[in-house]
Amino acid sequence: MEKLFNNLVIIFSTFCCCFAQSIDSSMTVSASPNGLESKVVIITAEVNPVNFKPTAYRFSLFPRHRPSEVYISRMFFPGDSLQVVLPENILEADTLANIASLEPVGGSFEKSYRLFTKRSESIDLGTFIIKEKSDIVKLSVIDGQKDIVVSRPKVKIFQSGKLLFNTTLDSSGYGRLRIPITRNKEIPLNMLIDTDGEYPIWRGLLEVSEGVSRKTIALSSMDLMQGESLFRVLRDLTPFRKGPENGAEILFLLNEDDHVVISRSAGDRLYGRVRLDLHNKQSSNYFNGWILSKDVQYLETLASEVKNEK
């Protein structure tokens, strides 16, 4: 009898244990979907290769304050849709606390970065523009006589007649010149600064160091005296002659947008002075001569301002 009772107790205990496990398991299963559910965010971007042809792109995402902890890093090929999907909760919630980087592969290209803020569902990082690796020149352009900035001058960099870089500086006369490291470093670079007639065109050599360097260019306007007017040259290789005669000796050839201060005229010929920079633009000198009136244009606005000041 006692043996039968013990067997019944064992059977009942086993049944209760199984029933409890079944209830616990069912509760776990029913709670599991909500516990494991996680929202995702789709992060997209575009690539503008310009005229370059990278073979692939490495796209990586990581927190700004912990760059070694990469969320994801994937390789894409030209023509692929640049898109990744991440759990939303792994992104940093602070403003601009996350970074996306794009590293072009298959050439001498710069890695590009983009800061972004966590958002729900989708994040569009915009367009990454492919750029060659470059040496940087931080350029400032000032008025050398008044010691003030020259606003928004246009700057062009040439090598052997080929345009390497073209930009417009900001309103404070500052800008970053990106000079490709693939340039021929044995051949000098030429720089041109155009201020739309406010100053004579600045032309000179540009020395570029490896990495990042700084350079300040001082422009000088032509001072007018009583009875003088300011003109600009209309085309390159314009003769500036010693005398008014057709066959007079050519002192030198002027370039387009050079400035000439005119003091008198004789028929279709104008007499005046120009300034030439000497000794690598460390000094300058003035030269007097004659130029045809058809080769120059009167800078009415600038000349009027100068006369009114006098």
Foldseek 3Di string as FASTA:
>chain_A
DVVVVVVVVVVVVVVVVVVVVVVVVVVCVVCVVVVPDFAKEKEFEAEAAPPDAFQKKKKWKDFQVCRVPTQDIDIGGPPDTGMDMDGLVVYDQDAQGMKMWIDGHDAQWDIDMAGGHRDGHYHYRYYDYIDGQFAKEWEFEAAPVVRAGQAFKWKWKDWPRHTQFTDTAHGRRIDITGGHPPDDPVTWMKMWIHNPLPFAIDIATDDTDGHYYYDYHHTYHDADDPQKFKKWFAAWQFFFFAAPDPPGHGPGTDHGRFMWIFRDADVQKTKTKGKDADDRNPHIDIDIGIGGNVRIGTPVVNRVVNVVVD
